[in-house]
Protein backbone atom coordinates (compact mmCIF):
# COMPACT_ATOMS: atom_id res chain seq x y z
CA MET A 1 282.22 -29.55 279.41
CA SER A 2 282.23 -26.21 277.61
CA ASP A 3 283.84 -26.14 274.18
CA GLY A 4 285.32 -22.65 274.69
CA PHE A 5 282.98 -20.74 272.31
CA ASP A 6 280.55 -19.66 275.09
CA ARG A 7 282.99 -17.88 277.40
CA ALA A 8 285.73 -15.30 277.11
CA PRO A 9 289.35 -16.49 276.84
CA GLU A 10 291.32 -16.62 280.05
CA GLN A 11 293.68 -13.83 278.89
CA THR A 12 290.81 -11.40 278.24
CA ARG A 13 290.63 -8.36 280.53
CA PRO A 14 287.55 -6.18 280.99
CA LEU A 15 287.46 -2.95 279.05
CA ARG A 16 286.79 0.16 281.20
CA ALA A 17 286.38 3.75 280.21
CA PRO A 18 288.94 6.07 281.83
CA PRO A 19 287.43 8.23 284.64
CA SER A 20 286.74 11.85 283.83
CA SER A 21 287.80 14.77 286.00
CA GLN A 22 284.19 15.17 287.25
CA ASP A 23 283.76 11.56 288.31
CA LYS A 24 283.84 10.91 292.01
CA ILE A 25 285.79 7.90 293.02
CA PRO A 26 283.98 6.24 295.94
CA GLN A 27 285.81 5.01 298.96
CA GLN A 28 286.42 1.31 298.75
CA ASN A 29 286.31 -0.84 301.84
CA SER A 30 288.54 -3.81 302.18
CA GLU A 31 285.73 -6.16 301.29
CA SER A 32 284.95 -4.45 297.98
CA ALA A 33 288.63 -4.09 297.21
CA MET A 34 289.00 -7.84 297.42
CA ALA A 35 286.06 -8.40 295.03
CA LYS A 36 286.97 -9.79 291.63
CA PRO A 37 286.31 -7.51 288.68
CA GLN A 38 283.34 -8.36 286.46
CA VAL A 39 284.35 -9.86 283.11
CA VAL A 40 282.37 -8.62 280.12
CA VAL A 41 281.55 -11.53 277.83
CA ALA A 42 281.42 -10.61 274.16
CA PRO A 43 278.19 -11.69 272.48
CA VAL A 44 278.47 -14.72 270.22
CA LEU A 45 277.42 -14.05 266.63
CA MET A 46 275.10 -16.79 265.52
CA SER A 47 275.46 -17.80 261.85
CA LYS A 48 272.31 -17.99 259.79
CA LEU A 49 273.88 -20.55 257.44
CA SER A 50 272.30 -23.97 257.47
CA VAL A 51 273.40 -27.35 256.18
CA ASN A 52 269.83 -27.79 255.03
CA ALA A 53 269.89 -24.68 252.82
CA PRO A 54 269.18 -25.28 249.11
CA GLU A 55 272.21 -25.71 246.84
CA PHE A 56 273.49 -22.51 245.22
CA TYR A 57 273.53 -22.19 241.42
CA PRO A 58 275.01 -19.28 239.45
CA SER A 59 272.71 -16.93 237.60
CA GLY A 60 271.43 -18.40 234.35
CA TYR A 61 272.17 -21.98 235.38
CA SER A 62 269.28 -24.41 235.29
CA SER A 63 269.52 -26.61 238.38
CA ASN A 64 267.03 -29.12 237.08
CA TYR A 65 268.55 -29.40 233.59
CA THR A 66 270.76 -32.36 234.39
CA GLU A 67 267.92 -34.28 235.98
CA SER A 68 265.53 -33.71 233.08
CA TYR A 69 268.29 -34.35 230.55
CA GLU A 70 269.25 -37.68 232.14
CA ASP A 71 265.61 -38.75 232.08
CA GLY A 72 265.77 -38.62 228.28
CA CYS A 73 263.53 -37.09 225.65
CA GLU A 74 260.40 -38.70 227.15
CA ASP A 75 260.00 -35.66 229.41
CA TYR A 76 259.86 -33.32 226.39
CA PRO A 77 256.80 -32.81 224.19
CA THR A 78 258.89 -33.20 221.01
CA LEU A 79 262.32 -34.38 219.96
CA SER A 80 263.16 -30.91 218.64
CA GLU A 81 262.56 -29.33 222.06
CA TYR A 82 264.86 -31.85 223.72
CA VAL A 83 267.62 -31.30 221.15
CA GLN A 84 267.24 -27.51 221.19
CA ASP A 85 267.42 -27.49 224.99
CA PHE A 86 270.69 -29.41 224.86
CA LEU A 87 272.12 -27.14 222.14
CA ASN A 88 271.28 -24.05 224.19
CA HIS A 89 272.85 -25.70 227.22
CA LEU A 90 276.08 -26.33 225.28
CA THR A 91 276.07 -22.75 224.02
CA GLU A 92 275.88 -21.39 227.57
CA GLN A 93 278.17 -24.01 229.14
CA PRO A 94 280.56 -25.40 226.48
CA GLY A 95 282.67 -27.01 229.19
CA SER A 96 279.91 -29.56 229.78
CA PHE A 97 280.49 -31.16 226.37
CA GLU A 98 282.91 -33.82 227.58
CA THR A 99 280.77 -34.93 230.51
CA GLU A 100 277.34 -34.91 228.85
CA ILE A 101 277.81 -35.78 225.18
CA GLU A 102 277.83 -39.55 225.76
CA GLN A 103 274.49 -39.49 227.57
CA PHE A 104 273.05 -37.21 224.90
CA ALA A 105 274.08 -39.59 222.11
CA GLU A 106 272.65 -42.59 223.97
CA THR A 107 269.34 -40.77 224.40
CA LEU A 108 269.24 -39.89 220.71
CA ASN A 109 269.80 -43.52 219.79
CA GLY A 110 266.58 -44.30 221.62
CA CYS A 111 264.60 -41.38 220.18
CA VAL A 112 265.88 -40.86 216.63
CA THR A 113 264.41 -43.90 214.90
CA THR A 114 263.08 -42.51 211.61
CA ASP A 115 264.42 -40.71 208.56
CA ASP A 116 262.44 -37.59 209.39
CA ALA A 117 263.76 -37.50 212.97
CA LEU A 118 267.35 -37.74 211.73
CA GLN A 119 266.76 -34.98 209.18
CA GLU A 120 265.28 -32.82 211.92
CA LEU A 121 268.29 -33.43 214.18
CA VAL A 122 270.71 -32.42 211.39
CA GLU A 123 268.75 -29.24 210.67
CA LEU A 124 268.62 -28.18 214.33
CA ILE A 125 272.38 -28.55 214.76
CA TYR A 126 273.09 -26.81 211.45
CA GLN A 127 270.88 -23.84 212.34
CA GLN A 128 272.47 -23.48 215.77
CA ALA A 129 276.00 -23.63 214.33
CA THR A 130 275.29 -21.01 211.66
CA SER A 131 273.11 -18.62 213.67
CA ILE A 132 275.08 -18.46 216.94
CA PRO A 133 278.53 -16.94 216.16
CA ASN A 134 280.42 -18.73 218.93
CA PHE A 135 278.82 -22.15 218.37
CA SER A 136 280.42 -23.10 215.04
CA TYR A 137 283.36 -24.88 216.70
CA MET A 138 281.18 -26.64 219.26
CA GLY A 139 278.71 -27.56 216.53
CA ALA A 140 281.49 -29.14 214.47
CA ARG A 141 282.66 -31.18 217.47
CA LEU A 142 279.10 -32.28 218.14
CA CYS A 143 278.67 -33.34 214.51
CA ASN A 144 281.86 -35.36 214.62
CA TYR A 145 280.81 -37.20 217.79
CA LEU A 146 277.32 -38.01 216.53
CA SER A 147 278.65 -39.16 213.16
CA HIS A 148 280.52 -41.92 215.01
CA HIS A 149 278.00 -42.78 217.73
CA LEU A 150 274.50 -42.56 216.24
CA THR A 151 273.42 -46.05 215.29
CA ILE A 152 270.56 -45.19 212.93
CA SER A 153 271.54 -45.46 209.27
CA PRO A 154 268.45 -45.26 207.04
CA GLN A 155 268.43 -45.55 203.27
CA SER A 156 268.43 -41.77 202.94
CA GLY A 157 271.87 -41.67 204.55
CA ASN A 158 273.52 -41.67 207.97
CA PHE A 159 274.08 -38.58 210.10
CA ARG A 160 277.30 -37.47 208.37
CA GLN A 161 275.86 -37.97 204.89
CA LEU A 162 272.74 -35.96 205.70
CA LEU A 163 274.88 -33.23 207.27
CA LEU A 164 277.03 -32.94 204.14
CA GLN A 165 273.91 -32.89 201.98
CA ARG A 166 272.57 -30.00 204.06
CA CYS A 167 275.84 -28.13 203.63
CA ARG A 168 275.76 -28.77 199.90
CA THR A 169 272.35 -27.08 199.67
CA GLU A 170 273.93 -23.87 200.99
CA TYR A 171 277.11 -24.38 198.97
CA GLU A 172 275.26 -24.51 195.66
CA VAL A 173 274.03 -20.91 196.04
CA LYS A 174 277.45 -19.55 197.04
CA ASP A 175 277.82 -17.20 194.07
CA GLN A 176 274.41 -15.60 194.59
CA ALA A 177 274.95 -15.39 198.35
CA ALA A 178 278.38 -13.71 198.04
CA LYS A 179 276.84 -10.88 196.01
CA GLY A 180 273.52 -10.72 197.89
CA ASP A 181 272.33 -8.14 200.40
CA GLU A 182 273.95 -7.68 203.81
CA VAL A 183 271.68 -10.17 205.59
CA THR A 184 272.27 -12.83 202.91
CA ARG A 185 276.02 -12.33 203.02
CA LYS A 186 276.09 -12.53 206.81
CA ARG A 187 274.27 -15.86 206.73
CA PHE A 188 276.64 -17.05 204.01
CA HIS A 189 279.70 -16.08 206.04
CA ALA A 190 278.41 -18.06 209.02
CA PHE A 191 278.06 -21.10 206.76
CA VAL A 192 281.60 -20.64 205.40
CA LEU A 193 283.17 -20.55 208.87
CA PHE A 194 281.12 -23.53 210.05
CA LEU A 195 282.30 -25.52 207.03
CA GLY A 196 285.87 -24.59 207.97
CA GLU A 197 285.31 -25.95 211.47
CA LEU A 198 283.77 -29.10 210.02
CA TYR A 199 286.84 -29.61 207.84
CA LEU A 200 289.09 -29.45 210.89
CA ASN A 201 286.94 -31.50 213.26
CA LEU A 202 284.98 -34.04 211.20
CA GLU A 203 286.96 -37.28 211.26
CA ILE A 204 286.41 -40.03 208.71
CA LYS A 205 287.70 -43.50 209.54
CA GLY A 206 289.04 -45.50 206.62
CA THR A 207 288.74 -49.22 206.07
CA ASN A 208 292.13 -49.78 207.71
CA GLY A 209 291.24 -47.69 210.74
CA GLN A 210 293.15 -44.60 209.65
CA VAL A 211 291.53 -41.24 210.39
CA THR A 212 291.33 -38.67 207.60
CA ARG A 213 289.54 -35.43 206.82
CA ALA A 214 286.72 -35.11 204.32
CA ASP A 215 288.29 -34.30 200.95
CA ILE A 216 284.97 -33.03 199.69
CA LEU A 217 285.12 -30.24 202.28
CA GLN A 218 288.61 -29.33 201.13
CA VAL A 219 287.32 -28.87 197.57
CA GLY A 220 284.31 -26.95 198.85
CA LEU A 221 286.42 -24.51 200.87
CA ARG A 222 288.53 -23.75 197.81
CA GLU A 223 285.44 -22.84 195.80
CA LEU A 224 284.00 -20.78 198.66
CA LEU A 225 287.21 -18.75 198.75
CA ASN A 226 286.83 -18.15 195.00
CA ALA A 227 283.30 -16.86 195.56
CA LEU A 228 284.44 -14.50 198.31
CA PHE A 229 287.38 -13.06 196.38
CA SER A 230 285.25 -12.72 193.23
CA ASN A 231 283.05 -10.29 195.15
CA PRO A 232 285.63 -8.20 197.04
CA MET A 233 283.36 -6.36 199.44
CA ASP A 234 284.80 -5.70 202.86
CA ASP A 235 282.73 -8.28 204.73
CA ASN A 236 283.45 -10.97 202.11
CA LEU A 237 287.18 -10.32 202.37
CA ILE A 238 287.08 -10.35 206.16
CA CYS A 239 285.32 -13.72 206.04
CA ALA A 240 287.99 -15.05 203.66
CA VAL A 241 290.74 -13.90 206.03
CA LYS A 242 289.04 -15.57 209.00
CA LEU A 243 288.65 -18.80 207.04
CA LEU A 244 292.30 -18.84 205.98
CA LYS A 245 293.50 -18.06 209.50
CA LEU A 246 291.42 -20.98 210.68
CA THR A 247 292.26 -23.55 208.01
CA GLY A 248 295.11 -22.13 205.91
CA SER A 249 297.94 -24.23 207.31
CA VAL A 250 295.94 -27.48 207.12
CA LEU A 251 294.69 -26.74 203.61
CA GLU A 252 298.15 -25.91 202.32
CA ASP A 253 299.64 -29.08 203.82
CA ALA A 254 296.90 -31.17 202.20
CA TRP A 255 297.36 -29.49 198.82
CA LYS A 256 301.14 -29.90 198.94
CA GLU A 257 300.75 -33.62 199.61
CA LYS A 258 298.80 -33.84 196.37
CA GLY A 259 301.29 -31.67 194.51
CA LYS A 260 298.80 -28.82 194.12
CA MET A 261 299.64 -25.11 194.13
CA ASP A 262 296.23 -23.87 195.27
CA MET A 263 297.59 -21.77 198.13
CA GLU A 264 300.01 -19.98 195.79
CA GLU A 265 297.03 -19.10 193.59
CA ILE A 266 295.07 -17.82 196.59
CA ILE A 267 297.94 -15.64 197.77
CA GLN A 268 298.33 -14.22 194.27
CA ARG A 269 294.64 -13.44 194.23
CA ILE A 270 294.90 -11.68 197.57
CA GLU A 271 297.73 -9.52 196.27
CA ASN A 272 295.64 -8.61 193.22
CA VAL A 273 292.73 -7.60 195.47
CA VAL A 274 295.02 -5.37 197.53
CA LEU A 275 296.19 -3.62 194.34
CA ASP A 276 292.92 -3.33 192.44
CA ALA A 277 289.87 -3.71 194.69
CA ASN A 278 288.04 -0.77 196.24
CA CYS A 279 288.04 -2.26 199.72
CA SER A 280 288.86 -0.23 202.82
CA ARG A 281 292.39 0.50 203.96
CA ASP A 282 291.91 -1.59 207.10
CA VAL A 283 290.83 -4.64 205.09
CA LYS A 284 293.79 -4.25 202.74
CA GLN A 285 296.06 -4.15 205.78
CA MET A 286 294.42 -7.30 207.10
CA LEU A 287 295.01 -9.05 203.77
CA LEU A 288 298.67 -8.05 203.77
CA LYS A 289 299.05 -9.37 207.31
CA LEU A 290 297.59 -12.66 206.15
CA VAL A 291 300.17 -12.85 203.34
CA GLU A 292 302.91 -12.26 205.92
CA LEU A 293 301.40 -14.90 208.18
CA ARG A 294 301.53 -17.45 205.40
CA SER A 295 305.14 -16.48 204.58
CA SER A 296 306.05 -17.39 208.18
CA ASN A 297 304.61 -20.90 207.68
CA TRP A 298 301.32 -19.81 209.27
CA GLY A 299 303.11 -18.88 212.47
CA ARG A 300 304.19 -22.44 213.21
CA VAL A 301 307.44 -22.65 215.16
CA HIS A 302 309.93 -25.29 214.00
CA ALA A 303 309.95 -28.51 215.99
CA THR A 304 313.50 -27.82 217.18
CA SER A 305 312.35 -24.71 219.03
CA THR A 306 310.44 -24.62 222.27
CA TYR A 307 307.59 -22.28 223.02
CA ARG A 308 309.72 -20.07 225.27
CA GLU A 309 312.25 -19.55 222.51
CA ALA A 310 309.71 -17.66 220.40
CA THR A 311 310.44 -13.94 220.68
CA PRO A 312 309.67 -10.83 218.61
CA GLU A 313 313.18 -11.13 217.16
CA ASN A 314 313.07 -14.76 215.97
CA ASP A 315 309.36 -15.32 215.33
CA PRO A 316 307.98 -13.19 212.46
CA ASN A 317 304.46 -14.06 213.57
CA TYR A 318 304.93 -13.04 217.20
CA PHE A 319 302.91 -9.83 216.96
CA MET A 320 301.46 -10.31 213.51
CA ASN A 321 298.86 -13.04 213.94
CA GLU A 322 296.11 -10.62 214.86
CA PRO A 323 293.58 -12.15 217.26
CA THR A 324 289.80 -12.18 216.94
CA PHE A 325 287.85 -11.07 220.03
CA TYR A 326 284.16 -11.44 220.82
CA THR A 327 281.55 -9.11 222.24
CA SER A 328 279.36 -10.09 225.20
CA ASP A 329 276.80 -11.32 222.65
CA GLY A 330 279.34 -13.64 221.03
CA VAL A 331 279.77 -11.47 217.92
CA PRO A 332 283.38 -11.57 216.63
CA PHE A 333 285.27 -8.37 215.82
CA THR A 334 288.74 -7.92 214.34
CA ALA A 335 291.19 -5.18 213.41
CA ALA A 336 289.14 -4.37 210.32
CA ASP A 337 285.93 -3.59 212.19
CA PRO A 338 285.33 0.18 212.30
CA GLY A 339 284.18 2.47 215.07
CA VAL A 340 284.09 1.56 218.74
CA HIS A 341 284.90 -2.08 218.07
CA HIS A 342 288.16 -1.09 216.39
CA HIS A 343 289.32 0.93 219.41
CA THR A 344 288.28 -1.90 221.75
CA TRP A 345 290.21 -4.34 219.58
CA LEU A 346 293.35 -2.20 219.79
CA ILE A 347 293.12 -2.12 223.60
CA LEU A 348 292.62 -5.89 223.86
CA ARG A 349 295.43 -6.52 221.38
CA GLY A 350 297.79 -4.37 223.43
CA PHE A 351 296.86 -6.28 226.57
CA THR A 352 297.43 -9.60 224.76
CA MET A 353 300.91 -8.54 223.65
CA LEU A 354 301.75 -7.39 227.18
CA VAL A 355 300.77 -10.81 228.54
CA ARG A 356 302.96 -12.49 225.93
CA LEU A 357 305.93 -10.33 226.93
CA VAL A 358 305.44 -11.14 230.62
CA LEU A 359 305.18 -14.88 229.93
CA ASN A 360 308.35 -14.88 227.86
CA SER A 361 310.41 -12.57 230.08
């Protein structure tokens, strides 16, 4: 029986062109008059799609990555190539972290069996986190996971200890780096922001099972801020603002628990920079906005209020917490960046505020 796709529907009538004035209409006999009209059957379009066609992958996606990754590092000439491949994969597809990190850690436990291999692993992750602008957060998460799941613990130190030692190497030259040339300062700023992400994401489990942050990083961030404010060039001050936006609320809470007034000292230092330093007007405005942000408890809404209750009238941070956007290359730019980036930032900021108004209307 036909399935209905190879014939015209029963309601279909043939399409005929209307006769022109010059057409001669032939005489029809009774036999031709009784003949049924011819039905024109529309041609069936045959699809070229096939169930056997190869699976589609978006541009830039490696279809054989998962297979080679699951096979372990045996398919790679060196451990560094395997690790670098995974780091690049996370950089391009950060959403794969949750689904692939467990397998990655298990593979490393089978491959990282010497002190040198562990040192190499730490260095590869550190370099990726400080050379790729949008990988610092992902790098910190990766470091936290591996610090709890790598089983190797040689005499030279476990993963977390070697990571902190690597960070200390960069930390010890902070004063020279903060006053170095532009390339040196840029590398230093990347280290500062990565250390801020580590402070927020690196969890240390105590003997009683409680989870805390690394106090040594808290002390280090305080000294890094001193180095940045002691050399008040625009890019140093912008880095300090980014660090405080990232970690300011957590740092102040931790200092208050210990009865310290470190944040008050930092805010006073910022105000002195605004009055005395020869930084640009945009950077001074950014510093003042940061002081206002801190005065509003870092933009945190009280627990008694819901998110929808936050409005421009009752939330002093509603429009003030200036966002950081990223270029297509992953390079961050803020309100203080000059030129084309500044105009682009203003457009994106306006769009962000419009979205906020719509969501809260």
